[in-house]
Amino acid sequence: MGIENLLAAFASMADDIDLDTVLERVISAACQLVDARYGALGVIGPDQTLSQFITVGFKGDQTERIASLPHGHGVLGLLIAEPWPIRLQNLRQHEHAVGFPDHHPQMTSFLGVPIRIRDTVFGNLYLTEKNGGGGFTDADEQLLVALAAAAGVAIENSRLFDDSRRRTRWLEGGLNAARELLEQSDDARNDLELIAHHALLASDSDLTVVLRDFGHQRGLICEASDGVHAGAFIGQSEADNAQLDGLTALSQPLLLTEEDIDRLLPGAPPSTISTALCTRLAGAGERQFLLFGRPKGSPPFSDVDHEMVRSFTSHVALSLELLRAHRQREQEAVFGDRDRIARDLHDLVIQRLFAAGLSIQSLRKFVSGREPLERIGTVTVELDATIRELRDTIYSLRSVPQITPTFTSSIFALVANAFDGHDLQPVVHLSGPLDAVIDPEWAEHVRAILLEGLSNALRHAGARTITMTLQAFPDRLVLRIADDGSGFEEMPSRSGLANMRRRADLCGGTLLISTAPGHGTDVVLTVPLHDQRGEGPTGVEM
């Protein structure tokens, strides 16, 4: 009968290859095999304590009422230290017994055996309270040892399958991120938001964060995040980022503890994540980092995760480089068109206008009368003014730098420089395809308004927090600068505010300033984006 039960137990474990299901079936099969009321399987973690503890036999809310599950002390710890079968008639009388917590059922008989995978102990099977009274027998021990050996094979197969599935998910995530980066249209999301989203899916994590180190003793700025409480991580952290100094794109990912995470992401909701992997994104000489976080109770990052993080980031980094090269080629094509137009204006249009002006002036000797002569003079003045404006246009077309930073990177750099030398830490929120929709000429106005608004808040508001939000919607771009400072009752007559309004008008946008004494100031710039694609500055089309 024992052999039949053992074969049935083998068959039940072989029906599924999901690791969690296999572990549960191993415990159930063990309880049935030796007729035990309670069973448990403890998985041994890297620190030689029980990282996972799965139970069978508890009724109702017994498990929830127990304060904490075992960590591997007492008799359970003895089996970890000395991985050999243990059979006890009375568990409470053993010299290593440490008793039971409140609400834990009393247990007497005990049988424990290790589960080995090749030469490594994966965990232990614990069986207690043999049905019908009495203790476990020598035959029970032999059957459980045989079951543990088969369980080791089933668990190993399940782990191999799980590793293969993890690798597939990582590879698909990296390829999906690369494809979406390279195929995105003007209405696509921000590049880094896209990377954070696919990193979250690929890693099976709860939170992903993209950080950039701008130097200037300003610490790290979170440029994008996805997952639980993602918005709480957007902004600038403290300057304690020394732990990332040695991290390169070629080095192994860095495993971070909860204390490390608190230093990198201060001000985040407590216990959001307890462990994280951090790696550096390659390319463009920038110090950008990608962090994958998991909360307490989640499976730890495996060797496969450490290995595949580098594969994911390599796909992403290559795509970003290709995307930068593509955008640079497009930019160079635009600049080439600008140069061609400038040459045509200089060599053809201006020369013809100049010749036309000379011809008109030569008509003076054939014309008499005051009114015709005045009209000839007026046309000549208009032609001279047109020629001067054309020369200014030619100069502006040729003075555009051939390589310019992206709009979002210039925003972050502007904020970092504005707060350099101040103890106050800014909070920065960017969302939407900002680099794709903003016109370069209008981007300069937006940056100027942002700089003036930050300068006013830093110099006059006496604020504790300053939050800058920049969002790209399908039809508009919205910039908001909010502080919790002193505010003011009457609008001050500062030239800076007048300049902000003038630049807002040049963008075709609106600028609203809301404030009250003791309630801070809220500056909101709204720029319609549809105007750029139709009636915007001619530079957009060149």
Protein backbone atom coordinates (compact mmCIF):
# COMPACT_ATOMS: atom_id res chain seq x y z
CA MET A 1 0.00 0.00 0.00
CA GLY A 2 2.88 2.35 0.81
CA ILE A 3 4.40 1.82 -2.65
CA GLU A 4 1.07 2.55 -4.31
CA ASN A 5 0.73 5.77 -2.31
CA LEU A 6 4.30 6.72 -3.21
CA LEU A 7 3.64 6.19 -6.92
CA ALA A 8 0.44 8.22 -6.66
CA ALA A 9 2.43 10.98 -4.98
CA PHE A 10 5.01 10.90 -7.79
CA ALA A 11 2.23 11.18 -10.39
CA SER A 12 0.58 14.15 -8.64
CA MET A 13 3.85 16.11 -8.64
CA ALA A 14 4.44 15.45 -12.33
CA ASP A 15 1.11 16.91 -13.47
CA ASP A 16 2.19 20.57 -13.35
CA ILE A 17 5.36 22.53 -14.04
CA ASP A 18 4.45 25.79 -12.27
CA LEU A 19 6.83 26.05 -9.28
CA ASP A 20 4.28 27.27 -6.72
CA THR A 21 1.83 24.55 -7.74
CA VAL A 22 4.54 21.89 -7.58
CA LEU A 23 5.51 22.96 -4.03
CA GLU A 24 1.89 22.80 -2.86
CA ARG A 25 1.44 19.36 -4.41
CA VAL A 26 4.63 18.09 -2.79
CA ILE A 27 3.29 19.00 0.67
CA SER A 28 -0.16 17.54 0.00
CA ALA A 29 1.36 14.33 -1.37
CA ALA A 30 3.65 14.06 1.67
CA CYS A 31 0.72 14.44 4.11
CA GLN A 32 -1.25 11.75 2.30
CA LEU A 33 1.75 9.46 2.03
CA VAL A 34 2.51 9.29 5.78
CA ASP A 35 -1.02 10.17 6.99
CA ALA A 36 -0.03 13.48 8.67
CA ARG A 37 -2.52 16.13 9.79
CA TYR A 38 -0.20 19.08 9.18
CA GLY A 39 2.49 19.59 6.58
CA ALA A 40 4.82 22.40 5.54
CA LEU A 41 7.59 23.07 3.06
CA GLY A 42 10.24 25.62 3.94
CA VAL A 43 12.40 27.07 1.16
CA ILE A 44 15.89 27.99 2.35
CA GLY A 45 17.03 31.47 1.34
CA PRO A 46 20.55 32.82 0.71
CA ASP A 47 20.90 33.78 4.38
CA GLN A 48 20.16 30.20 5.51
CA THR A 49 16.74 31.11 6.90
CA LEU A 50 13.32 30.17 5.53
CA SER A 51 12.50 32.60 2.74
CA GLN A 52 9.20 30.87 1.93
CA PHE A 53 6.97 28.68 4.14
CA ILE A 54 3.98 26.86 2.61
CA THR A 55 1.56 25.01 4.87
CA VAL A 56 -1.20 22.38 4.53
CA GLY A 57 -3.77 21.32 7.12
CA PHE A 58 -4.54 24.63 8.86
CA LYS A 59 -8.24 25.43 8.96
CA GLY A 60 -10.11 28.68 8.52
CA ASP A 61 -8.13 31.73 9.58
CA GLN A 62 -5.54 29.83 11.65
CA THR A 63 -2.69 30.96 9.42
CA GLU A 64 -3.75 34.63 9.59
CA ARG A 65 -4.11 34.49 13.39
CA ILE A 66 -0.54 33.27 13.87
CA ALA A 67 1.66 36.36 14.37
CA SER A 68 4.45 35.23 12.07
CA LEU A 69 5.46 32.13 10.19
CA PRO A 70 8.71 30.35 11.16
CA HIS A 71 12.04 31.78 10.05
CA GLY A 72 14.07 28.64 10.67
CA HIS A 73 14.86 28.51 14.39
CA GLY A 74 14.56 25.67 16.90
CA VAL A 75 14.05 22.19 15.46
CA LEU A 76 13.36 23.67 12.00
CA GLY A 77 16.71 25.43 12.15
CA LEU A 78 18.41 22.21 13.23
CA LEU A 79 17.27 20.56 10.01
CA ILE A 80 18.74 23.50 8.06
CA ALA A 81 22.09 23.26 9.89
CA GLU A 82 22.19 19.45 9.69
CA PRO A 83 20.25 18.38 6.58
CA TRP A 84 19.42 14.80 7.59
CA PRO A 85 16.02 13.22 8.41
CA ILE A 86 14.68 13.94 11.92
CA ARG A 87 11.89 11.83 13.52
CA LEU A 88 10.54 12.78 16.95
CA GLN A 89 7.85 11.25 19.11
CA ASN A 90 7.34 14.50 21.05
CA LEU A 91 8.43 17.69 19.36
CA ARG A 92 8.09 19.78 22.53
CA GLN A 93 10.58 17.65 24.46
CA HIS A 94 13.48 18.16 22.04
CA GLU A 95 16.35 20.23 23.40
CA HIS A 96 16.12 22.70 20.46
CA ALA A 97 12.36 23.19 20.77
CA VAL A 98 11.38 26.86 21.16
CA GLY A 99 7.63 26.43 21.64
CA PHE A 100 4.73 27.67 19.53
CA PRO A 101 3.39 31.20 18.98
CA ASP A 102 -0.09 32.25 20.02
CA HIS A 103 -2.98 30.63 18.16
CA HIS A 104 -0.67 27.89 16.80
CA PRO A 105 -2.11 24.35 17.11
CA GLN A 106 -0.21 22.08 19.46
CA MET A 107 1.90 19.45 17.72
CA THR A 108 3.57 16.34 19.12
CA SER A 109 4.90 13.87 16.57
CA PHE A 110 7.30 15.26 13.98
CA LEU A 111 9.04 14.05 10.82
CA GLY A 112 11.35 16.24 8.77
CA VAL A 113 13.47 15.48 5.69
CA PRO A 114 15.55 17.75 3.42
CA ILE A 115 14.81 18.23 -0.28
CA ARG A 116 17.99 18.21 -2.33
CA ILE A 117 18.51 19.43 -5.86
CA ARG A 118 21.74 17.81 -6.96
CA ASP A 119 24.18 18.68 -4.17
CA THR A 120 22.27 21.70 -2.83
CA VAL A 121 19.56 21.64 -0.18
CA PHE A 122 16.54 23.48 -1.64
CA GLY A 123 14.35 23.25 1.45
CA ASN A 124 12.79 20.91 4.00
CA LEU A 125 9.59 18.95 4.37
CA TYR A 126 8.01 19.11 7.84
CA LEU A 127 5.20 16.72 8.83
CA THR A 128 3.47 16.71 12.24
CA GLU A 129 0.63 14.98 14.07
CA LYS A 130 0.19 11.52 12.56
CA ASN A 131 -3.49 10.74 12.29
CA GLY A 132 -4.75 8.10 14.70
CA GLY A 133 -2.20 9.00 17.38
CA GLY A 134 1.28 7.62 17.88
CA GLY A 135 4.40 8.67 16.09
CA PHE A 136 5.80 8.37 12.62
CA THR A 137 7.44 5.04 11.80
CA ASP A 138 10.69 4.06 10.17
CA ALA A 139 8.68 3.11 7.07
CA ASP A 140 7.14 6.63 7.02
CA GLU A 141 10.61 8.11 7.11
CA GLN A 142 11.82 5.95 4.22
CA LEU A 143 8.75 6.81 2.13
CA LEU A 144 9.20 10.53 2.82
CA VAL A 145 12.91 10.37 1.90
CA ALA A 146 11.95 8.76 -1.42
CA LEU A 147 9.27 11.39 -1.98
CA ALA A 148 11.77 14.18 -1.21
CA ALA A 149 14.15 12.78 -3.82
CA ALA A 150 11.41 12.80 -6.46
CA ALA A 151 10.32 16.23 -5.31
CA GLY A 152 13.85 17.52 -5.91
CA VAL A 153 13.65 16.37 -9.55
CA ALA A 154 10.18 17.91 -10.01
CA ILE A 155 11.24 21.19 -8.41
CA GLU A 156 14.40 21.34 -10.52
CA ASN A 157 12.37 20.81 -13.71
CA SER A 158 9.92 23.46 -12.60
CA ARG A 159 12.74 25.91 -11.81
CA LEU A 160 14.31 25.30 -15.21
CA PHE A 161 10.96 25.99 -16.83
CA ASP A 162 10.49 29.09 -14.67
CA ASP A 163 13.97 30.33 -15.62
CA SER A 164 13.19 29.78 -19.28
CA ARG A 165 9.93 31.67 -18.93
CA ARG A 166 11.72 34.53 -17.13
CA ARG A 167 14.30 34.76 -19.91
CA THR A 168 11.55 34.81 -22.52
CA ARG A 169 9.70 37.59 -20.69
CA TRP A 170 12.90 39.67 -20.37
CA LEU A 171 13.76 39.18 -24.06
CA GLU A 172 10.24 40.01 -25.22
CA GLY A 173 10.20 43.08 -22.98
CA GLY A 174 13.49 44.35 -24.38
CA LEU A 175 12.43 43.71 -27.98
CA ASN A 176 9.01 45.32 -27.44
CA ALA A 177 10.65 48.38 -25.89
CA ALA A 178 13.13 48.61 -28.77
CA ARG A 179 10.41 48.24 -31.41
CA GLU A 180 8.13 50.83 -29.82
CA LEU A 181 11.01 53.28 -29.38
CA LEU A 182 11.97 53.02 -33.03
CA GLU A 183 8.42 52.98 -34.40
CA GLN A 184 6.81 55.65 -32.24
CA SER A 185 5.08 58.56 -33.94
CA ASP A 186 4.80 62.17 -32.82
CA ASP A 187 1.88 61.18 -30.59
CA ALA A 188 3.85 58.50 -28.78
CA ARG A 189 4.75 58.78 -25.13
CA ASN A 190 8.00 60.11 -23.71
CA ASP A 191 10.97 57.80 -24.48
CA LEU A 192 11.87 57.23 -20.83
CA GLU A 193 8.25 56.67 -19.79
CA LEU A 194 8.09 53.98 -22.47
CA ILE A 195 11.28 52.34 -21.16
CA ALA A 196 9.99 52.39 -17.58
CA HIS A 197 6.71 50.77 -18.67
CA HIS A 198 8.34 47.90 -20.59
CA ALA A 199 10.93 47.40 -17.84
CA LEU A 200 8.08 46.93 -15.35
CA LEU A 201 6.49 44.23 -17.51
CA ALA A 202 9.73 42.46 -18.36
CA SER A 203 11.05 42.26 -14.79
CA ASP A 204 7.75 41.31 -13.10
CA SER A 205 8.49 44.09 -10.61
CA ASP A 206 6.15 46.46 -8.80
CA LEU A 207 8.05 49.67 -9.63
CA THR A 208 10.58 50.88 -12.19
CA VAL A 209 12.37 54.22 -12.03
CA VAL A 210 14.68 56.04 -14.47
CA LEU A 211 17.20 58.29 -12.66
CA ARG A 212 19.66 60.81 -14.06
CA ASP A 213 22.66 62.31 -12.32
CA PHE A 214 23.16 65.93 -13.39
CA GLY A 215 26.13 66.58 -11.13
CA HIS A 216 26.54 70.03 -9.57
CA GLN A 217 26.08 68.29 -6.22
CA ARG A 218 22.37 68.16 -7.07
CA GLY A 219 21.98 64.40 -6.73
CA LEU A 220 19.63 62.33 -8.82
CA ILE A 221 16.49 63.39 -10.65
CA CYS A 222 13.76 60.84 -11.42
CA GLU A 223 12.90 61.37 -15.08
CA ALA A 224 10.27 58.63 -15.42
CA SER A 225 8.64 55.87 -13.39
CA ASP A 226 5.93 53.24 -13.65
CA GLY A 227 4.16 50.99 -11.16
CA VAL A 228 2.90 51.45 -7.61
CA HIS A 229 3.14 55.01 -6.27
CA ALA A 230 5.08 55.93 -9.42
CA GLY A 231 4.21 59.61 -9.13
CA ALA A 232 5.74 59.83 -5.64
CA PHE A 233 9.20 59.16 -7.03
CA ILE A 234 9.19 61.93 -9.64
CA GLY A 235 11.49 64.79 -8.64
CA GLN A 236 14.96 65.32 -7.30
CA SER A 237 16.58 63.27 -4.58
CA GLU A 238 19.31 64.08 -2.15
CA ALA A 239 22.94 64.13 -3.28
CA ASP A 240 23.77 60.84 -1.53
CA ASN A 241 24.33 58.84 -4.71
CA ALA A 242 27.87 57.63 -4.02
CA GLN A 243 26.72 54.02 -4.09
CA LEU A 244 26.16 54.33 -7.87
CA ASP A 245 29.56 55.89 -8.64
CA GLY A 246 31.18 52.62 -9.67
CA LEU A 247 28.21 51.37 -11.68
CA THR A 248 28.89 51.22 -15.42
CA ALA A 249 26.89 49.95 -18.36
CA LEU A 250 29.12 46.84 -18.48
CA SER A 251 29.14 45.99 -14.78
CA GLN A 252 26.77 43.61 -13.03
CA PRO A 253 23.47 45.11 -11.75
CA LEU A 254 23.63 46.42 -8.21
CA LEU A 255 21.34 44.76 -5.64
CA LEU A 256 19.96 47.44 -3.32
CA THR A 257 18.60 46.99 0.19
CA GLU A 258 15.71 48.94 1.68
CA GLU A 259 18.18 51.35 3.30
CA ASP A 260 19.92 51.94 -0.05
CA ILE A 261 16.56 52.66 -1.68
CA ASP A 262 15.61 55.17 1.03
CA ARG A 263 18.82 57.10 0.31
CA LEU A 264 18.28 57.08 -3.44
CA LEU A 265 14.56 57.89 -3.32
CA PRO A 266 13.89 59.96 -0.20
CA GLY A 267 10.39 61.13 0.49
CA ALA A 268 8.77 58.10 -1.16
CA PRO A 269 5.95 56.24 0.63
CA PRO A 270 7.48 53.95 3.30
CA SER A 271 7.97 50.26 2.51
CA THR A 272 6.92 50.70 -1.11
CA ILE A 273 9.81 48.52 -2.20
CA SER A 274 12.24 46.57 -0.03
CA THR A 275 14.72 45.34 -2.64
CA ALA A 276 15.79 46.57 -6.05
CA LEU A 277 18.16 45.97 -8.93
CA CYS A 278 19.89 49.02 -10.39
CA THR A 279 21.79 49.18 -13.67
CA ARG A 280 23.20 51.98 -15.80
CA LEU A 281 21.86 52.84 -19.24
CA ALA A 282 24.60 53.17 -21.83
CA GLY A 283 24.93 55.88 -24.45
CA ALA A 284 25.52 59.59 -24.97
CA GLY A 285 27.89 59.81 -22.02
CA GLU A 286 24.97 60.48 -19.68
CA ARG A 287 24.68 59.05 -16.18
CA GLN A 288 21.24 57.48 -16.40
CA PHE A 289 20.16 54.56 -14.22
CA LEU A 290 17.28 52.11 -14.41
CA LEU A 291 15.96 50.73 -11.12
CA PHE A 292 13.66 47.70 -10.73
CA GLY A 293 11.92 47.46 -7.33
CA ARG A 294 9.92 44.77 -5.54
CA PRO A 295 8.05 45.00 -2.22
CA LYS A 296 8.51 42.85 0.85
CA GLY A 297 7.11 39.34 0.36
CA SER A 298 7.77 39.26 -3.40
CA PRO A 299 10.15 36.64 -4.87
CA PRO A 300 13.76 37.82 -4.68
CA PHE A 301 15.65 38.71 -7.84
CA SER A 302 17.13 35.49 -9.22
CA ASP A 303 20.36 34.83 -11.08
CA VAL A 304 18.31 34.92 -14.28
CA ASP A 305 17.06 38.41 -13.41
CA HIS A 306 20.64 39.61 -12.83
CA GLU A 307 21.67 38.12 -16.15
CA MET A 308 18.73 39.38 -18.22
CA VAL A 309 18.80 42.93 -16.86
CA ARG A 310 21.90 43.51 -18.94
CA SER A 311 20.22 42.02 -22.01
CA PHE A 312 17.20 44.30 -21.57
CA THR A 313 19.28 47.44 -21.08
CA SER A 314 21.47 46.60 -24.08
CA HIS A 315 18.38 46.40 -26.31
CA VAL A 316 17.08 49.68 -24.89
CA ALA A 317 20.45 51.46 -25.10
CA LEU A 318 20.97 50.39 -28.72
CA SER A 319 17.47 51.58 -29.61
CA LEU A 320 18.07 54.94 -27.93
CA GLU A 321 21.31 55.37 -29.86
CA LEU A 322 19.57 54.49 -33.13
CA LEU A 323 16.75 56.87 -32.24
CA ARG A 324 19.23 59.67 -31.45
CA ALA A 325 21.04 59.03 -34.73
CA HIS A 326 17.74 59.06 -36.64
CA ARG A 327 16.65 62.30 -35.00
CA GLN A 328 20.05 63.82 -35.65
CA ARG A 329 19.80 62.87 -39.34
CA GLU A 330 16.36 64.44 -39.48
CA GLN A 331 17.73 67.52 -37.73
CA GLU A 332 20.64 67.70 -40.14
CA ALA A 333 18.22 67.37 -43.06
CA VAL A 334 16.22 70.28 -41.66
CA PHE A 335 19.40 72.31 -41.22
CA GLY A 336 20.45 71.40 -44.75
CA ASP A 337 17.14 72.76 -46.02
CA ARG A 338 17.66 75.89 -43.95
CA ASP A 339 21.13 76.39 -45.49
CA ARG A 340 19.74 75.86 -48.98
CA ILE A 341 16.92 78.32 -48.39
CA ALA A 342 19.39 80.82 -46.92
CA ARG A 343 21.65 80.52 -49.98
CA ASP A 344 18.71 80.94 -52.35
CA LEU A 345 17.49 83.98 -50.45
CA HIS A 346 20.95 85.51 -50.51
CA ASP A 347 22.00 84.63 -54.03
CA LEU A 348 18.69 85.02 -55.83
CA VAL A 349 15.95 86.84 -53.95
CA ILE A 350 18.02 89.62 -52.37
CA GLN A 351 19.92 90.26 -55.61
CA ARG A 352 16.68 90.54 -57.57
CA LEU A 353 15.15 92.82 -54.97
CA PHE A 354 18.28 94.96 -55.04
CA ALA A 355 18.17 95.13 -58.85
CA ALA A 356 14.47 96.00 -58.74
CA GLY A 357 15.22 98.79 -56.29
CA LEU A 358 17.89 100.24 -58.57
CA SER A 359 15.53 100.07 -61.53
CA ILE A 360 12.81 101.87 -59.62
CA GLN A 361 15.23 104.58 -58.51
CA SER A 362 16.34 105.05 -62.12
CA LEU A 363 12.75 105.98 -63.00
CA ARG A 364 13.16 109.27 -61.15
CA LYS A 365 14.71 110.95 -64.21
CA PHE A 366 11.68 109.98 -66.33
CA VAL A 367 9.07 111.10 -63.82
CA SER A 368 8.01 114.55 -62.81
CA GLY A 369 5.60 115.61 -60.16
CA ARG A 370 5.75 115.35 -56.39
CA GLU A 371 3.38 112.45 -55.84
CA PRO A 372 5.05 109.95 -58.23
CA LEU A 373 8.46 110.78 -56.82
CA GLU A 374 7.19 110.23 -53.26
CA ARG A 375 5.74 106.87 -54.28
CA ILE A 376 9.06 105.84 -55.83
CA GLY A 377 10.79 106.86 -52.60
CA THR A 378 8.30 104.88 -50.49
CA VAL A 379 8.74 101.73 -52.61
CA THR A 380 12.52 102.10 -52.40
CA VAL A 381 12.37 102.38 -48.58
CA GLU A 382 10.10 99.30 -48.40
CA LEU A 383 12.49 97.33 -50.60
CA ASP A 384 15.44 98.35 -48.38
CA ALA A 385 13.53 97.25 -45.26
CA THR A 386 12.60 93.95 -46.93
CA ILE A 387 16.23 93.31 -47.85
CA ARG A 388 17.30 93.99 -44.22
CA GLU A 389 14.65 91.59 -42.89
CA LEU A 390 15.75 88.96 -45.38
CA ARG A 391 19.35 89.36 -44.24
CA ASP A 392 18.22 88.89 -40.61
CA THR A 393 16.28 85.79 -41.66
CA ILE A 394 19.32 84.39 -43.47
CA TYR A 395 21.45 84.98 -40.38
CA SER A 396 18.92 83.23 -38.10
CA LEU A 397 18.67 80.27 -40.50
CA ARG A 398 22.42 79.81 -40.57
CA SER A 399 23.00 80.38 -36.85
CA VAL A 400 21.05 77.31 -35.66
CA PRO A 401 23.53 74.90 -34.00
CA GLN A 402 23.94 71.60 -35.77
CA ILE A 403 23.59 69.52 -32.61
CA THR A 404 21.12 70.57 -29.92
CA PRO A 405 20.05 68.76 -26.74
CA THR A 406 16.52 67.42 -26.44
CA PHE A 407 13.89 69.67 -24.94
CA THR A 408 13.37 67.45 -21.88
CA SER A 409 17.08 67.16 -21.13
CA SER A 410 17.42 70.96 -21.40
CA ILE A 411 14.51 71.34 -18.94
CA PHE A 412 16.17 69.08 -16.39
CA ALA A 413 19.50 70.84 -16.83
CA LEU A 414 17.79 74.23 -16.43
CA VAL A 415 16.11 73.15 -13.20
CA ALA A 416 19.34 71.66 -11.83
CA ASN A 417 21.27 74.86 -12.58
CA ALA A 418 18.53 77.11 -11.18
CA PHE A 419 18.57 75.30 -7.84
CA ASP A 420 22.35 74.97 -7.69
CA GLY A 421 23.45 76.66 -4.46
CA HIS A 422 20.00 76.45 -2.84
CA ASP A 423 19.06 74.02 -0.06
CA LEU A 424 15.57 73.69 -1.47
CA GLN A 425 14.89 70.53 -3.49
CA PRO A 426 12.63 70.91 -6.55
CA VAL A 427 10.02 68.42 -7.70
CA VAL A 428 9.83 67.90 -11.47
CA HIS A 429 6.99 66.18 -13.33
CA LEU A 430 7.29 65.63 -17.11
CA SER A 431 4.78 63.63 -19.13
CA GLY A 432 3.85 63.14 -22.75
CA PRO A 433 5.90 63.33 -25.98
CA LEU A 434 7.45 66.70 -25.17
CA ASP A 435 10.48 66.33 -27.46
CA ALA A 436 8.29 65.43 -30.44
CA VAL A 437 5.62 68.14 -30.25
CA ILE A 438 7.45 71.29 -29.16
CA ASP A 439 8.73 73.71 -31.79
CA PRO A 440 12.36 74.81 -31.18
CA GLU A 441 11.49 78.52 -31.27
CA TRP A 442 8.59 78.10 -28.86
CA ALA A 443 10.70 75.81 -26.68
CA GLU A 444 13.03 78.74 -26.05
CA HIS A 445 10.09 80.82 -24.81
CA VAL A 446 8.89 78.01 -22.55
CA ARG A 447 12.36 77.62 -21.05
CA ALA A 448 12.61 81.38 -20.47
CA ILE A 449 9.23 81.45 -18.71
CA LEU A 450 10.23 78.45 -16.59
CA LEU A 451 13.53 80.05 -15.59
CA GLU A 452 11.87 83.35 -14.68
CA GLY A 453 9.17 81.59 -12.68
CA LEU A 454 11.71 79.48 -10.75
CA SER A 455 13.90 82.53 -10.11
CA ASN A 456 10.94 84.49 -8.73
CA ALA A 457 9.94 81.62 -6.45
CA LEU A 458 13.50 81.15 -5.18
CA ARG A 459 14.18 84.86 -4.59
CA HIS A 460 10.85 86.20 -3.36
CA ALA A 461 8.49 83.42 -2.25
CA GLY A 462 10.33 81.95 0.76
CA ALA A 463 8.84 78.59 -0.25
CA ARG A 464 9.47 75.19 1.32
CA THR A 465 8.60 73.29 -1.85
CA ILE A 466 8.54 74.25 -5.53
CA THR A 467 6.88 71.90 -8.01
CA MET A 468 7.31 72.18 -11.77
CA THR A 469 4.94 70.21 -14.05
CA LEU A 470 5.26 70.07 -17.84
CA GLN A 471 2.69 68.02 -19.78
CA ALA A 472 2.11 67.47 -23.48
CA PHE A 473 -1.52 66.81 -24.39
CA PRO A 474 -2.78 66.13 -27.94
CA ASP A 475 -3.83 69.77 -28.40
CA ARG A 476 -1.77 71.78 -25.90
CA LEU A 477 1.34 72.00 -23.77
CA VAL A 478 0.90 73.03 -20.13
CA LEU A 479 3.66 74.33 -17.85
CA ARG A 480 2.86 74.84 -14.17
CA ILE A 481 5.13 76.27 -11.46
CA ALA A 482 3.62 75.99 -7.98
CA ASP A 483 5.14 77.02 -4.65
CA ASP A 484 3.91 77.10 -1.07
CA GLY A 485 5.55 80.45 -0.29
CA SER A 486 4.28 83.78 0.96
CA GLY A 487 2.29 84.73 -2.12
CA PHE A 488 1.19 88.36 -2.68
CA GLU A 489 -1.99 90.42 -2.70
CA GLU A 490 -1.34 92.75 -5.62
CA MET A 491 0.50 91.78 -8.78
CA PRO A 492 4.01 93.30 -8.54
CA SER A 493 5.22 95.41 -11.45
CA ARG A 494 8.31 93.39 -12.18
CA SER A 495 9.91 93.40 -15.60
CA GLY A 496 10.30 89.62 -15.28
CA LEU A 497 6.54 89.07 -15.13
CA ALA A 498 6.04 91.35 -18.11
CA ASN A 499 8.66 89.41 -20.02
CA MET A 500 6.89 86.14 -19.16
CA ARG A 501 3.60 87.49 -20.53
CA ARG A 502 5.31 88.78 -23.68
CA ARG A 503 6.88 85.39 -24.34
CA ALA A 504 3.54 83.68 -23.72
CA ASP A 505 2.00 85.94 -26.39
CA LEU A 506 4.81 85.08 -28.81
CA CYS A 507 3.90 81.40 -28.34
CA GLY A 508 0.25 82.14 -29.00
CA GLY A 509 -0.41 80.93 -25.46
CA THR A 510 -1.88 82.20 -22.22
CA LEU A 511 -0.24 82.85 -18.85
CA LEU A 512 -2.29 82.74 -15.65
CA ILE A 513 -0.88 83.66 -12.23
CA SER A 514 -2.89 82.73 -9.13
CA THR A 515 -1.73 83.82 -5.69
CA ALA A 516 -2.87 84.92 -2.25
CA PRO A 517 -0.93 86.07 0.82
CA GLY A 518 0.26 83.03 2.75
CA HIS A 519 -1.07 80.55 0.17
CA GLY A 520 1.74 80.40 -2.37
CA THR A 521 1.75 81.17 -6.08
CA ASP A 522 0.61 79.12 -9.07
CA VAL A 523 1.91 80.04 -12.55
CA VAL A 524 0.27 78.21 -15.49
CA LEU A 525 1.36 78.58 -19.12
CA THR A 526 -0.83 76.95 -21.79
CA VAL A 527 0.43 76.75 -25.38
CA PRO A 528 -1.89 75.36 -28.12
CA LEU A 529 -0.03 72.69 -30.08
CA HIS A 530 -2.32 72.52 -33.10
CA ASP A 531 -1.18 76.05 -34.07
CA GLN A 532 2.37 74.77 -34.46
CA ARG A 533 1.37 72.22 -37.06
CA GLY A 534 -0.66 74.71 -39.07
CA GLU A 535 -0.06 78.40 -38.52
CA GLY A 536 3.06 78.24 -36.36
CA PRO A 537 6.44 79.83 -37.10
CA THR A 538 7.81 79.07 -40.52
CA GLY A 539 10.87 77.49 -38.93
CA VAL A 540 8.77 74.44 -38.13
CA GLU A 541 8.35 73.62 -41.79
CA MET A 542 11.93 74.22 -42.91
